[in-house]
PDB file of N, CA and C in Angstrom:
ATOM      1  N   MET A   1      74.673 111.029  51.010  1.00  0.00           N
ATOM      2  CA  MET A   1      74.524 110.869  52.445  1.00  0.00           C
ATOM      3  C   MET A   1      74.280 112.214  53.114  1.00  0.00           C
ATOM      4  N   ILE A   2      75.025 113.216  52.714  1.00  0.00           N
ATOM      5  CA  ILE A   2      74.870 114.544  53.306  1.00  0.00           C
ATOM      6  C   ILE A   2      73.504 115.113  52.958  1.00  0.00           C
ATOM      7  N   LEU A   3      73.019 114.864  51.734  1.00  0.00           N
ATOM      8  CA  LEU A   3      71.709 115.353  51.342  1.00  0.00           C
ATOM      9  C   LEU A   3      70.610 114.736  52.189  1.00  0.00           C
ATOM     10  N   ILE A   4      70.725 113.449  52.480  1.00  0.00           N
ATOM     11  CA  ILE A   4      69.734 112.780  53.311  1.00  0.00           C
ATOM     12  C   ILE A   4      69.742 113.374  54.717  1.00  0.00           C
ATOM     13  N   MET A   5      70.920 113.597  55.277  1.00  0.00           N
ATOM     14  CA  MET A   5      71.012 114.183  56.616  1.00  0.00           C
ATOM     15  C   MET A   5      70.429 115.587  56.625  1.00  0.00           C
ATOM     16  N   ALA A   6      70.683 116.368  55.596  1.00  0.00           N
ATOM     17  CA  ALA A   6      70.130 117.713  55.531  1.00  0.00           C
ATOM     18  C   ALA A   6      68.617 117.651  55.435  1.00  0.00           C
ATOM     19  N   PHE A   7      68.096 116.679  54.684  1.00  0.00           N
ATOM     20  CA  PHE A   7      66.658 116.527  54.519  1.00  0.00           C
ATOM     21  C   PHE A   7      65.990 116.153  55.837  1.00  0.00           C
ATOM     22  N   VAL A   8      66.612 115.231  56.565  1.00  0.00           N
ATOM     23  CA  VAL A   8      66.075 114.806  57.852  1.00  0.00           C
ATOM     24  C   VAL A   8      66.099 115.963  58.842  1.00  0.00           C
ATOM     25  N   SER A   9      67.152 116.741  58.848  1.00  0.00           N
ATOM     26  CA  SER A   9      67.206 117.873  59.769  1.00  0.00           C
ATOM     27  C   SER A   9      66.190 118.936  59.372  1.00  0.00           C
ATOM     28  N   ASP A  10      65.849 119.009  58.081  1.00  0.00           N
ATOM     29  CA  ASP A  10      64.799 119.938  57.656  1.00  0.00           C
ATOM     30  C   ASP A  10      63.470 119.568  58.293  1.00  0.00           C
ATOM     31  N   VAL A  11      63.166 118.287  58.372  1.00  0.00           N
ATOM     32  CA  VAL A  11      61.923 117.840  59.008  1.00  0.00           C
ATOM     33  C   VAL A  11      61.933 118.244  60.479  1.00  0.00           C
ATOM     34  N   TYR A  12      63.058 118.058  61.122  1.00  0.00           N
ATOM     35  CA  TYR A  12      63.183 118.443  62.533  1.00  0.00           C
ATOM     36  C   TYR A  12      62.964 119.942  62.695  1.00  0.00           C
ATOM     37  N   ILE A  13      63.549 120.722  61.822  1.00  0.00           N
ATOM     38  CA  ILE A  13      63.412 122.186  61.902  1.00  0.00           C
ATOM     39  C   ILE A  13      61.969 122.603  61.664  1.00  0.00           C
ATOM     40  N   ILE A  14      61.319 121.980  60.705  1.00  0.00           N
ATOM     41  CA  ILE A  14      59.915 122.312  60.439  1.00  0.00           C
ATOM     42  C   ILE A  14      59.049 121.956  61.640  1.00  0.00           C
ATOM     43  N   CYS A  15      59.329 120.827  62.278  1.00  0.00           N
ATOM     44  CA  CYS A  15      58.577 120.445  63.481  1.00  0.00           C
ATOM     45  C   CYS A  15      58.783 121.453  64.608  1.00  0.00           C
ATOM     46  N   ARG A  16      60.022 121.852  64.800  1.00  0.00           N
ATOM     47  CA  ARG A  16      60.303 122.845  65.847  1.00  0.00           C
ATOM     48  C   ARG A  16      59.590 124.166  65.534  1.00  0.00           C
ATOM     49  N   PHE A  17      59.601 124.550  64.261  1.00  0.00           N
ATOM     50  CA  PHE A  17      58.906 125.767  63.855  1.00  0.00           C
ATOM     51  C   PHE A  17      57.403 125.632  64.111  1.00  0.00           C
ATOM     52  N   ALA A  18      56.844 124.457  63.847  1.00  0.00           N
ATOM     53  CA  ALA A  18      55.418 124.235  64.091  1.00  0.00           C
ATOM     54  C   ALA A  18      55.097 124.379  65.583  1.00  0.00           C
ATOM     55  N   TYR A  19      55.977 123.844  66.446  1.00  0.00           N
ATOM     56  CA  TYR A  19      55.776 124.010  67.883  1.00  0.00           C
ATOM     57  C   TYR A  19      55.793 125.487  68.273  1.00  0.00           C
ATOM     58  N   LEU A  20      56.757 126.232  67.735  1.00  0.00           N
ATOM     59  CA  LEU A  20      56.831 127.659  68.041  1.00  0.00           C
ATOM     60  C   LEU A  20      55.626 128.402  67.493  1.00  0.00           C
ATOM     61  N   GLU A  21      55.174 128.003  66.319  1.00  0.00           N
ATOM     62  CA  GLU A  21      53.987 128.617  65.732  1.00  0.00           C
ATOM     63  C   GLU A  21      52.774 128.376  66.625  1.00  0.00           C
ATOM     64  N   ASN A  22      52.685 127.185  67.170  1.00  0.00           N
ATOM     65  CA  ASN A  22      51.571 126.878  68.072  1.00  0.00           C
ATOM     66  C   ASN A  22      51.653 127.699  69.354  1.00  0.00           C
ATOM     67  N   LYS A  23      52.860 127.861  69.851  1.00  0.00           N
ATOM     68  CA  LYS A  23      53.041 128.562  71.128  1.00  0.00           C
ATOM     69  C   LYS A  23      52.898 130.076  70.992  1.00  0.00           C
ATOM     70  N   PHE A  24      53.471 130.640  69.939  1.00  0.00           N
ATOM     71  CA  PHE A  24      53.522 132.096  69.834  1.00  0.00           C
ATOM     72  C   PHE A  24      52.723 132.671  68.662  1.00  0.00           C
ATOM     73  N   GLY A  25      52.255 131.820  67.776  1.00  0.00           N
ATOM     74  CA  GLY A  25      51.586 132.307  66.579  1.00  0.00           C
ATOM     75  C   GLY A  25      50.198 131.722  66.433  1.00  0.00           C
ATOM     76  N   SER A  26      49.961 131.142  65.295  1.00  0.00           N
ATOM     77  CA  SER A  26      48.651 130.612  64.952  1.00  0.00           C
ATOM     78  C   SER A  26      48.631 129.095  65.103  1.00  0.00           C
ATOM     79  N   ALA A  27      47.679 128.606  65.859  1.00  0.00           N
ATOM     80  CA  ALA A  27      47.538 127.156  66.015  1.00  0.00           C
ATOM     81  C   ALA A  27      47.150 126.519  64.684  1.00  0.00           C
ATOM     82  N   GLU A  28      46.377 127.221  63.886  1.00  0.00           N
ATOM     83  CA  GLU A  28      45.973 126.686  62.590  1.00  0.00           C
ATOM     84  C   GLU A  28      47.178 126.471  61.673  1.00  0.00           C
ATOM     85  N   ARG A  29      48.106 127.413  61.668  1.00  0.00           N
ATOM     86  CA  ARG A  29      49.325 127.235  60.862  1.00  0.00           C
ATOM     87  C   ARG A  29      50.164 126.085  61.385  1.00  0.00           C
ATOM     88  N   CYS A  30      50.177 125.905  62.688  1.00  0.00           N
ATOM     89  CA  CYS A  30      50.888 124.768  63.290  1.00  0.00           C
ATOM     90  C   CYS A  30      50.298 123.462  62.783  1.00  0.00           C
ATOM     91  N   HIS A  31      48.979 123.364  62.804  1.00  0.00           N
ATOM     92  CA  HIS A  31      48.324 122.145  62.337  1.00  0.00           C
ATOM     93  C   HIS A  31      48.590 121.918  60.850  1.00  0.00           C
ATOM     94  N   THR A  32      48.590 122.983  60.077  1.00  0.00           N
ATOM     95  CA  THR A  32      48.875 122.868  58.649  1.00  0.00           C
ATOM     96  C   THR A  32      50.290 122.346  58.416  1.00  0.00           C
ATOM     97  N   LEU A  33      51.240 122.846  59.186  1.00  0.00           N
ATOM     98  CA  LEU A  33      52.622 122.382  59.053  1.00  0.00           C
ATOM     99  C   LEU A  33      52.746 120.896  59.403  1.00  0.00           C
ATOM    100  N   PHE A  34      52.137 120.500  60.501  1.00  0.00           N
ATOM    101  CA  PHE A  34      52.208 119.094  60.891  1.00  0.00           C
ATOM    102  C   PHE A  34      51.525 118.196  59.866  1.00  0.00           C
ATOM    103  N   GLU A  35      50.381 118.627  59.359  1.00  0.00           N
ATOM    104  CA  GLU A  35      49.685 117.820  58.350  1.00  0.00           C
ATOM    105  C   GLU A  35      50.537 117.683  57.089  1.00  0.00           C
ATOM    106  N   HIS A  36      51.223 118.748  56.723  1.00  0.00           N
ATOM    107  CA  HIS A  36      52.106 118.690  55.561  1.00  0.00           C
ATOM    108  C   HIS A  36      53.261 117.710  55.809  1.00  0.00           C
ATOM    109  N   ILE A  37      53.837 117.755  56.988  1.00  0.00           N
ATOM    110  CA  ILE A  37      54.934 116.844  57.327  1.00  0.00           C
ATOM    111  C   ILE A  37      54.438 115.397  57.294  1.00  0.00           C
ATOM    112  N   LEU A  38      53.267 115.152  57.870  1.00  0.00           N
ATOM    113  CA  LEU A  38      52.741 113.785  57.905  1.00  0.00           C
ATOM    114  C   LEU A  38      52.381 113.274  56.518  1.00  0.00           C
ATOM    115  N   THR A  39      51.960 114.181  55.652  1.00  0.00           N
ATOM    116  CA  THR A  39      51.673 113.786  54.277  1.00  0.00           C
ATOM    117  C   THR A  39      52.968 113.418  53.555  1.00  0.00           C
ATOM    118  N   SER A  40      54.007 114.183  53.819  1.00  0.00           N
ATOM    119  CA  SER A  40      55.285 113.942  53.159  1.00  0.00           C
ATOM    120  C   SER A  40      56.067 112.781  53.779  1.00  0.00           C
ATOM    121  N   PHE A  41      55.912 112.572  55.070  1.00  0.00           N
ATOM    122  CA  PHE A  41      56.667 111.544  55.792  1.00  0.00           C
ATOM    123  C   PHE A  41      55.729 110.696  56.660  1.00  0.00           C
ATOM    124  N   PRO A  42      54.847 109.914  56.038  1.00  0.00           N
ATOM    125  CA  PRO A  42      53.877 109.154  56.839  1.00  0.00           C
ATOM    126  C   PRO A  42      54.490 108.054  57.692  1.00  0.00           C
ATOM    127  N   LYS A  43      55.722 107.657  57.426  1.00  0.00           N
ATOM    128  CA  LYS A  43      56.359 106.586  58.199  1.00  0.00           C
ATOM    129  C   LYS A  43      57.045 107.091  59.460  1.00  0.00           C
ATOM    130  N   ARG A  44      57.066 108.397  59.666  1.00  0.00           N
ATOM    131  CA  ARG A  44      57.742 108.968  60.831  1.00  0.00           C
ATOM    132  C   ARG A  44      56.824 108.915  62.054  1.00  0.00           C
ATOM    133  N   THR A  45      56.938 107.827  62.803  1.00  0.00           N
ATOM    134  CA  THR A  45      56.077 107.652  63.966  1.00  0.00           C
ATOM    135  C   THR A  45      56.367 108.688  65.048  1.00  0.00           C
ATOM    136  N   ASP A  46      57.581 109.199  65.077  1.00  0.00           N
ATOM    137  CA  ASP A  46      57.896 110.236  66.062  1.00  0.00           C
ATOM    138  C   ASP A  46      57.087 111.510  65.784  1.00  0.00           C
ATOM    139  N   ILE A  47      56.848 111.803  64.517  1.00  0.00           N
ATOM    140  CA  ILE A  47      56.056 112.987  64.172  1.00  0.00           C
ATOM    141  C   ILE A  47      54.597 112.761  64.538  1.00  0.00           C
ATOM    142  N   TRP A  48      54.063 111.574  64.262  1.00  0.00           N
ATOM    143  CA  TRP A  48      52.687 111.257  64.643  1.00  0.00           C
ATOM    144  C   TRP A  48      52.516 111.424  66.156  1.00  0.00           C
ATOM    145  N   SER A  49      53.470 110.900  66.919  1.00  0.00           N
ATOM    146  CA  SER A  49      53.381 110.975  68.381  1.00  0.00           C
ATOM    147  C   SER A  49      53.504 112.412  68.879  1.00  0.00           C
ATOM    148  N   SER A  50      54.423 113.157  68.311  1.00  0.00           N
ATOM    149  CA  SER A  50      54.607 114.547  68.729  1.00  0.00           C
ATOM    150  C   SER A  50      53.360 115.377  68.455  1.00  0.00           C
ATOM    151  N   TYR A  51      52.789 115.177  67.282  1.00  0.00           N
ATOM    152  CA  TYR A  51      51.585 115.927  66.923  1.00  0.00           C
ATOM    153  C   TYR A  51      50.422 115.542  67.832  1.00  0.00           C
ATOM    154  N   ALA A  52      50.282 114.260  68.141  1.00  0.00           N
ATOM    155  CA  ALA A  52      49.223 113.821  69.057  1.00  0.00           C
ATOM    156  C   ALA A  52      49.420 114.434  70.438  1.00  0.00           C
ATOM    157  N   ASP A  53      50.669 114.481  70.904  1.00  0.00           N
ATOM    158  CA  ASP A  53      50.955 115.112  72.200  1.00  0.00           C
ATOM    159  C   ASP A  53      50.596 116.593  72.186  1.00  0.00           C
ATOM    160  N   LEU A  54      50.934 117.264  71.109  1.00  0.00           N
ATOM    161  CA  LEU A  54      50.630 118.687  70.993  1.00  0.00           C
ATOM    162  C   LEU A  54      49.122 118.922  71.032  1.00  0.00           C
ATOM    163  N   LEU A  55      48.378 118.115  70.301  1.00  0.00           N
ATOM    164  CA  LEU A  55      46.919 118.256  70.302  1.00  0.00           C
ATOM    165  C   LEU A  55      46.330 117.956  71.675  1.00  0.00           C
ATOM    166  N   THR A  56      46.886 116.954  72.343  1.00  0.00           N
ATOM    167  CA  THR A  56      46.396 116.592  73.668  1.00  0.00           C
ATOM    168  C   THR A  56      46.663 117.702  74.673  1.00  0.00           C
ATOM    169  N   LYS A  57      47.866 118.283  74.627  1.00  0.00           N
ATOM    170  CA  LYS A  57      48.192 119.377  75.547  1.00  0.00           C
ATOM    171  C   LYS A  57      47.319 120.599  75.306  1.00  0.00           C
ATOM    172  N   ALA A  58      46.853 120.759  74.071  1.00  0.00           N
ATOM    173  CA  ALA A  58      45.977 121.889  73.730  1.00  0.00           C
ATOM    174  C   ALA A  58      44.509 121.555  74.010  1.00  0.00           C
ATOM    175  N   ASP A  59      44.252 120.447  74.701  1.00  0.00           N
ATOM    176  CA  ASP A  59      42.901 119.972  75.017  1.00  0.00           C
ATOM    177  C   ASP A  59      42.045 119.751  73.778  1.00  0.00           C
ATOM    178  N   ASN A  60      42.686 119.403  72.697  1.00  0.00           N
ATOM    179  CA  ASN A  60      41.981 119.071  71.468  1.00  0.00           C
ATOM    180  C   ASN A  60      41.952 117.546  71.362  1.00  0.00           C
ATOM    181  N   ILE A  61      41.228 116.942  72.291  1.00  0.00           N
ATOM    182  CA  ILE A  61      41.231 115.493  72.469  1.00  0.00           C
ATOM    183  C   ILE A  61      40.657 114.781  71.247  1.00  0.00           C
ATOM    184  N   GLU A  62      39.569 115.301  70.701  1.00  0.00           N
ATOM    185  CA  GLU A  62      38.943 114.638  69.553  1.00  0.00           C
ATOM    186  C   GLU A  62      39.864 114.653  68.338  1.00  0.00           C
ATOM    187  N   ALA A  63      40.572 115.748  68.121  1.00  0.00           N
ATOM    188  CA  ALA A  63      41.517 115.815  67.000  1.00  0.00           C
ATOM    189  C   ALA A  63      42.677 114.849  67.213  1.00  0.00           C
ATOM    190  N   ALA A  64      43.142 114.725  68.446  1.00  0.00           N
ATOM    191  CA  ALA A  64      44.220 113.774  68.750  1.00  0.00           C
ATOM    192  C   ALA A  64      43.740 112.344  68.521  1.00  0.00           C
ATOM    193  N   ARG A  65      42.510 112.062  68.915  1.00  0.00           N
ATOM    194  CA  ARG A  65      41.939 110.729  68.711  1.00  0.00           C
ATOM    195  C   ARG A  65      41.849 110.418  67.209  1.00  0.00           C
ATOM    196  N   ASN A  66      41.368 111.370  66.424  1.00  0.00           N
ATOM    197  CA  ASN A  66      41.262 111.174  64.977  1.00  0.00           C
ATOM    198  C   ASN A  66      42.636 110.989  64.346  1.00  0.00           C
ATOM    199  N   LEU A  67      43.616 111.736  64.827  1.00  0.00           N
ATOM    200  CA  LEU A  67      44.980 111.610  64.323  1.00  0.00           C
ATOM    201  C   LEU A  67      45.529 110.210  64.600  1.00  0.00           C
ATOM    202  N   LEU A  68      45.331 109.716  65.795  1.00  0.00           N
ATOM    203  CA  LEU A  68      45.833 108.391  66.149  1.00  0.00           C
ATOM    204  C   LEU A  68      45.093 107.295  65.371  1.00  0.00           C
ATOM    205  N   GLU A  69      43.819 107.507  65.092  1.00  0.00           N
ATOM    206  CA  GLU A  69      43.079 106.561  64.245  1.00  0.00           C
ATOM    207  C   GLU A  69      43.687 106.522  62.847  1.00  0.00           C
ATOM    208  N   ARG A  70      44.011 107.693  62.315  1.00  0.00           N
ATOM    209  CA  ARG A  70      44.670 107.749  61.010  1.00  0.00           C
ATOM    210  C   ARG A  70      46.019 107.052  61.054  1.00  0.00           C
ATOM    211  N   ALA A  71      46.742 107.252  62.147  1.00  0.00           N
ATOM    212  CA  ALA A  71      48.077 106.677  62.273  1.00  0.00           C
ATOM    213  C   ALA A  71      48.029 105.155  62.247  1.00  0.00           C
ATOM    214  N   ILE A  72      47.096 104.558  62.979  1.00  0.00           N
ATOM    215  CA  ILE A  72      47.061 103.096  63.040  1.00  0.00           C
ATOM    216  C   ILE A  72      46.424 102.469  61.808  1.00  0.00           C
ATOM    217  N   SER A  73      45.843 103.269  60.944  1.00  0.00           N
ATOM    218  CA  SER A  73      45.228 102.718  59.737  1.00  0.00           C
ATOM    219  C   SER A  73      46.232 102.576  58.592  1.00  0.00           C
ATOM    220  N   GLN A  74      47.469 102.961  58.836  1.00  0.00           N
ATOM    221  CA  GLN A  74      48.506 102.877  57.810  1.00  0.00           C
ATOM    222  C   GLN A  74      49.056 101.458  57.689  1.00  0.00           C
ATOM    223  N   LYS A  75      49.762 101.246  56.621  1.00  0.00           N
ATOM    224  CA  LYS A  75      50.482  99.982  56.409  1.00  0.00           C
ATOM    225  C   LYS A  75      51.958 100.272  56.632  1.00  0.00           C
ATOM    226  N   LEU A  76      52.419 100.043  57.851  1.00  0.00           N
ATOM    227  CA  LEU A  76      53.804 100.298  58.225  1.00  0.00           C
ATOM    228  C   LEU A  76      54.418  99.016  58.766  1.00  0.00           C
ATOM    229  N   PRO A  77      55.753  98.980  58.897  1.00  0.00           N
ATOM    230  CA  PRO A  77      56.398  97.815  59.518  1.00  0.00           C
ATOM    231  C   PRO A  77      55.880  97.582  60.944  1.00  0.00           C
ATOM    232  N   VAL A  78      55.961  96.353  61.378  1.00  0.00           N
ATOM    233  CA  VAL A  78      55.410  95.948  62.674  1.00  0.00           C
ATOM    234  C   VAL A  78      55.974  96.789  63.814  1.00  0.00           C
ATOM    235  N   ARG A  79      57.264  97.035  63.790  1.00  0.00           N
ATOM    236  CA  ARG A  79      57.907  97.803  64.865  1.00  0.00           C
ATOM    237  C   ARG A  79      57.284  99.208  64.979  1.00  0.00           C
ATOM    238  N   LYS A  80      57.036  99.828  63.854  1.00  0.00           N
ATOM    239  CA  LYS A  80      56.462 101.175  63.867  1.00  0.00           C
ATOM    240  C   LYS A  80      54.993 101.146  64.278  1.00  0.00           C
ATOM    241  N   MET A  81      54.280 100.132  63.812  1.00  0.00           N
ATOM    242  CA  MET A  81      52.878 100.010  64.195  1.00  0.00           C
ATOM    243  C   MET A  81      52.747  99.741  65.692  1.00  0.00           C
ATOM    244  N   LYS A  82      53.678  98.986  66.243  1.00  0.00           N
ATOM    245  CA  LYS A  82      53.656  98.716  67.685  1.00  0.00           C
ATOM    246  C   LYS A  82      53.748 100.026  68.466  1.00  0.00           C
ATOM    247  N   ALA A  83      54.635 100.914  68.028  1.00  0.00           N
ATOM    248  CA  ALA A  83      54.788 102.201  68.708  1.00  0.00           C
ATOM    249  C   ALA A  83      53.504 103.029  68.598  1.00  0.00           C
ATOM    250  N   LEU A  84      52.861 102.993  67.437  1.00  0.00           N
ATOM    251  CA  LEU A  84      51.625 103.765  67.254  1.00  0.00           C
ATOM    252  C   LEU A  84      50.483 103.192  68.087  1.00  0.00           C
ATOM    253  N   PHE A  85      50.357 101.870  68.118  1.00  0.00           N
ATOM    254  CA  PHE A  85      49.311 101.256  68.939  1.00  0.00           C
ATOM    255  C   PHE A  85      49.553 101.526  70.423  1.00  0.00           C
ATOM    256  N   LYS A  86      50.803 101.476  70.838  1.00  0.00           N
ATOM    257  CA  LYS A  86      51.129 101.768  72.238  1.00  0.00           C
ATOM    258  C   LYS A  86      50.741 103.203  72.590  1.00  0.00           C
ATOM    259  N   LYS A  87      51.070 104.128  71.698  1.00  0.00           N
ATOM    260  CA  LYS A  87      50.722 105.529  71.914  1.00  0.00           C
ATOM    261  C   LYS A  87      49.206 105.701  72.005  1.00  0.00           C
ATOM    262  N   TYR A  88      48.487 105.062  71.093  1.00  0.00           N
ATOM    263  CA  TYR A  88      47.036 105.183  71.075  1.00  0.00           C
ATOM    264  C   TYR A  88      46.419 104.557  72.328  1.00  0.00           C
ATOM    265  N   LEU A  89      46.949 103.425  72.766  1.00  0.00           N
ATOM    266  CA  LEU A  89      46.425 102.784  73.970  1.00  0.00           C
ATOM    267  C   LEU A  89      46.649 103.659  75.203  1.00  0.00           C
ATOM    268  N   GLU A  90      47.835 104.246  75.324  1.00  0.00           N
ATOM    269  CA  GLU A  90      48.108 105.153  76.450  1.00  0.00           C
ATOM    270  C   GLU A  90      47.165 106.358  76.400  1.00  0.00           C
ATOM    271  N   PHE A  91      46.941 106.891  75.211  1.00  0.00           N
ATOM    272  CA  PHE A  91      46.020 108.019  75.045  1.00  0.00           C
ATOM    273  C   PHE A  91      44.611 107.617  75.482  1.00  0.00           C
ATOM    274  N   ALA A  92      44.151 106.456  75.031  1.00  0.00           N
ATOM    275  CA  ALA A  92      42.803 105.998  75.358  1.00  0.00           C
ATOM    276  C   ALA A  92      42.649 105.766  76.859  1.00  0.00           C
ATOM    277  N   GLN A  93      43.690 105.248  77.495  1.00  0.00           N
ATOM    278  CA  GLN A  93      43.620 105.010  78.937  1.00  0.00           C
ATOM    279  C   GLN A  93      43.530 106.323  79.715  1.00  0.00           C
ATOM    280  N   GLN A  94      44.175 107.368  79.220  1.00  0.00           N
ATOM    281  CA  GLN A  94      44.164 108.648  79.933  1.00  0.00           C
ATOM    282  C   GLN A  94      42.963 109.519  79.586  1.00  0.00           C
ATOM    283  N   HIS A  95      42.512 109.465  78.332  1.00  0.00           N
ATOM    284  CA  HIS A  95      41.506 110.427  77.882  1.00  0.00           C
ATOM    285  C   HIS A  95      40.233 109.795  77.344  1.00  0.00           C
ATOM    286  N   GLY A  96      40.164 108.484  77.371  1.00  0.00           N
ATOM    287  CA  GLY A  96      39.004 107.822  76.790  1.00  0.00           C
ATOM    288  C   GLY A  96      38.222 107.030  77.806  1.00  0.00           C
ATOM    289  N   THR A  97      37.258 106.324  77.291  1.00  0.00           N
ATOM    290  CA  THR A  97      36.413 105.467  78.115  1.00  0.00           C
ATOM    291  C   THR A  97      36.971 104.039  78.075  1.00  0.00           C
ATOM    292  N   SER A  98      36.404 103.201  78.917  1.00  0.00           N
ATOM    293  CA  SER A  98      36.842 101.803  78.913  1.00  0.00           C
ATOM    294  C   SER A  98      36.482 101.132  77.585  1.00  0.00           C
ATOM    295  N   GLU A  99      35.399 101.589  76.948  1.00  0.00           N
ATOM    296  CA  GLU A  99      35.034 101.049  75.631  1.00  0.00           C
ATOM    297  C   GLU A  99      36.083 101.415  74.586  1.00  0.00           C
ATOM    298  N   GLU A 100      36.597 102.631  74.674  1.00  0.00           N
ATOM    299  CA  GLU A 100      37.630 103.045  73.721  1.00  0.00           C
ATOM    300  C   GLU A 100      38.923 102.254  73.939  1.00  0.00           C
ATOM    301  N   VAL A 101      39.279 102.014  75.179  1.00  0.00           N
ATOM    302  CA  VAL A 101      40.473 101.220  75.484  1.00  0.00           C
ATOM    303  C   VAL A 101      40.317  99.819  74.897  1.00  0.00           C
ATOM    304  N   GLU A 102      39.155  99.223  75.085  1.00  0.00           N
ATOM    305  CA  GLU A 102      38.907  97.895  74.530  1.00  0.00           C
ATOM    306  C   GLU A 102      38.933  97.920  73.011  1.00  0.00           C
ATOM    307  N   SER A 103      38.414  98.981  72.422  1.00  0.00           N
ATOM    308  CA  SER A 103      38.421  99.116  70.964  1.00  0.00           C
ATOM    309  C   SER A 103      39.847  99.166  70.424  1.00  0.00           C
ATOM    310  N   VAL A 104      40.711  99.913  71.092  1.00  0.00           N
ATOM    311  CA  VAL A 104      42.112  99.998  70.663  1.00  0.00           C
ATOM    312  C   VAL A 104      42.787  98.637  70.814  1.00  0.00           C
ATOM    313  N   LYS A 105      42.507  97.943  71.916  1.00  0.00           N
ATOM    314  CA  LYS A 105      43.092  96.617  72.120  1.00  0.00           C
ATOM    315  C   LYS A 105      42.637  95.649  71.032  1.00  0.00           C
ATOM    316  N   ILE A 106      41.370  95.721  70.658  1.00  0.00           N
ATOM    317  CA  ILE A 106      40.847  94.841  69.608  1.00  0.00           C
ATOM    318  C   ILE A 106      41.501  95.170  68.270  1.00  0.00           C
ATOM    319  N   LYS A 107      41.675  96.464  67.978  1.00  0.00           N
ATOM    320  CA  LYS A 107      42.332  96.856  66.730  1.00  0.00           C
ATOM    321  C   LYS A 107      43.781  96.357  66.705  1.00  0.00           C
ATOM    322  N   ALA A 108      44.452  96.431  67.837  1.00  0.00           N
ATOM    323  CA  ALA A 108      45.830  95.937  67.917  1.00  0.00           C
ATOM    324  C   ALA A 108      45.863  94.419  67.725  1.00  0.00           C
ATOM    325  N   GLN A 109      44.928  93.711  68.339  1.00  0.00           N
ATOM    326  CA  GLN A 109      44.869  92.258  68.179  1.00  0.00           C
ATOM    327  C   GLN A 109      44.580  91.883  66.723  1.00  0.00           C
ATOM    328  N   ASN A 110      43.681  92.630  66.089  1.00  0.00           N
ATOM    329  CA  ASN A 110      43.379  92.371  64.680  1.00  0.00           C
ATOM    330  C   ASN A 110      44.596  92.601  63.808  1.00  0.00           C
ATOM    331  N   PHE A 111      45.367  93.638  64.129  1.00  0.00           N
ATOM    332  CA  PHE A 111      46.589  93.899  63.378  1.00  0.00           C
ATOM    333  C   PHE A 111      47.577  92.750  63.537  1.00  0.00           C
ATOM    334  N   VAL A 112      47.765  92.289  64.761  1.00  0.00           N
ATOM    335  CA  VAL A 112      48.694  91.183  65.014  1.00  0.00           C
ATOM    336  C   VAL A 112      48.235  89.930  64.278  1.00  0.00           C
ATOM    337  N   GLN A 113      46.943  89.665  64.298  1.00  0.00           N
ATOM    338  CA  GLN A 113      46.427  88.492  63.597  1.00  0.00           C
ATOM    339  C   GLN A 113      46.620  88.612  62.093  1.00  0.00           C
ATOM    340  N   SER A 114      46.431  89.816  61.542  1.00  0.00           N
ATOM    341  CA  SER A 114      46.622  89.983  60.098  1.00  0.00           C
ATOM    342  C   SER A 114      48.091  89.825  59.716  1.00  0.00           C
ATOM    343  N   VAL A 115      48.984  90.281  60.577  1.00  0.00           N
ATOM    344  CA  VAL A 115      50.417  90.107  60.314  1.00  0.00           C
ATOM    345  C   VAL A 115      50.783  88.634  60.409  1.00  0.00           C
ATOM    346  N   ALA A 116      50.261  87.964  61.418  1.00  0.00           N
ATOM    347  CA  ALA A 116      50.562  86.537  61.595  1.00  0.00           C
ATOM    348  C   ALA A 116      50.019  85.714  60.428  1.00  0.00           C
ATOM    349  N   ALA A 117      48.862  86.101  59.912  1.00  0.00           N
ATOM    350  CA  ALA A 117      48.264  85.371  58.791  1.00  0.00           C
ATOM    351  C   ALA A 117      49.074  85.547  57.512  1.00  0.00           C
ATOM    352  N   ASN A 118      49.767  86.666  57.396  1.00  0.00           N
ATOM    353  CA  ASN A 118      50.543  86.945  56.188  1.00  0.00           C
ATOM    354  C   ASN A 118      51.997  86.507  56.283  1.00  0.00           C
ATOM    355  N   MET A 119      52.396  85.972  57.438  1.00  0.00           N
ATOM    356  CA  MET A 119      53.771  85.513  57.595  1.00  0.00           C
ATOM    357  C   MET A 119      53.969  84.212  56.828  1.00  0.00           C
ATOM    358  N   PRO A 120      55.109  84.060  56.179  1.00  0.00           N
ATOM    359  CA  PRO A 120      55.361  82.801  55.464  1.00  0.00           C
ATOM    360  C   PRO A 120      55.537  81.649  56.439  1.00  0.00           C
ATOM    361  N   VAL A 121      55.034  80.524  56.047  1.00  0.00           N
ATOM    362  CA  VAL A 121      55.140  79.320  56.874  1.00  0.00           C
ATOM    363  C   VAL A 121      56.441  78.627  56.511  1.00  0.00           C
ATOM    364  N   ASP A 122      57.204  78.244  57.526  1.00  0.00           N
ATOM    365  CA  ASP A 122      58.489  77.565  57.309  1.00  0.00           C
ATOM    366  C   ASP A 122      58.208  76.066  57.180  1.00  0.00           C
ATOM    367  N   ASP A 123      58.339  75.558  55.957  1.00  0.00           N
ATOM    368  CA  ASP A 123      58.081  74.138  55.697  1.00  0.00           C
ATOM    369  C   ASP A 123      59.331  73.272  55.865  1.00  0.00           C
ATOM    370  N   ASN A 124      60.413  73.837  56.290  1.00  0.00           N
ATOM    371  CA  ASN A 124      61.663  73.083  56.466  1.00  0.00           C
ATOM    372  C   ASN A 124      61.647  72.421  57.840  1.00  0.00           C
ATOM    373  N   SER A 125      61.133  71.242  57.896  1.00  0.00           N
ATOM    374  CA  SER A 125      61.097  70.544  59.175  1.00  0.00           C
ATOM    375  C   SER A 125      62.365  69.705  59.328  1.00  0.00           C
ATOM    376  N   ASP A 126      62.771  69.566  60.546  1.00  0.00           N
ATOM    377  CA  ASP A 126      63.993  68.818  60.854  1.00  0.00           C
ATOM    378  C   ASP A 126      63.652  67.430  61.400  1.00  0.00           C
ATOM    379  N   ASP A 127      62.581  66.836  60.886  1.00  0.00           N
ATOM    380  CA  ASP A 127      62.127  65.535  61.376  1.00  0.00           C
ATOM    381  C   ASP A 127      62.767  64.369  60.626  1.00  0.00           C
ATOM    382  N   GLU A 128      63.927  64.507  60.066  1.00  0.00           N
ATOM    383  CA  GLU A 128      64.550  63.447  59.280  1.00  0.00           C
ATOM    384  C   GLU A 128      65.108  62.375  60.120  1.00  0.00           C
TER     385      GLU A 128
END
């Protein structure tokens, strides 16, 4: 248990270091650190969101858009995917065109439909 907590705090420390690197050092090293974290912890939606925010604040809109596209292309639990789609939709509404907003909505709808199609059907009817 203690090892897991230490490991999780290491991710937090690396993220904080990446922010400081971006602010006071090299933006390229910051991006390298975040990419390494995302490769190691692809299920951490908070890291995806933080990195997208950092790219957006740095006016690197295209990189943030590509990052969010990568994020929503993953196979994650529904709750986590919902957070990523919400983040991407908010980003598209602020920094994209109406076509991009519609594209994100369609991708979210397709995801919901694919999840619904893969849900088990409950055949236990109470019609006795």
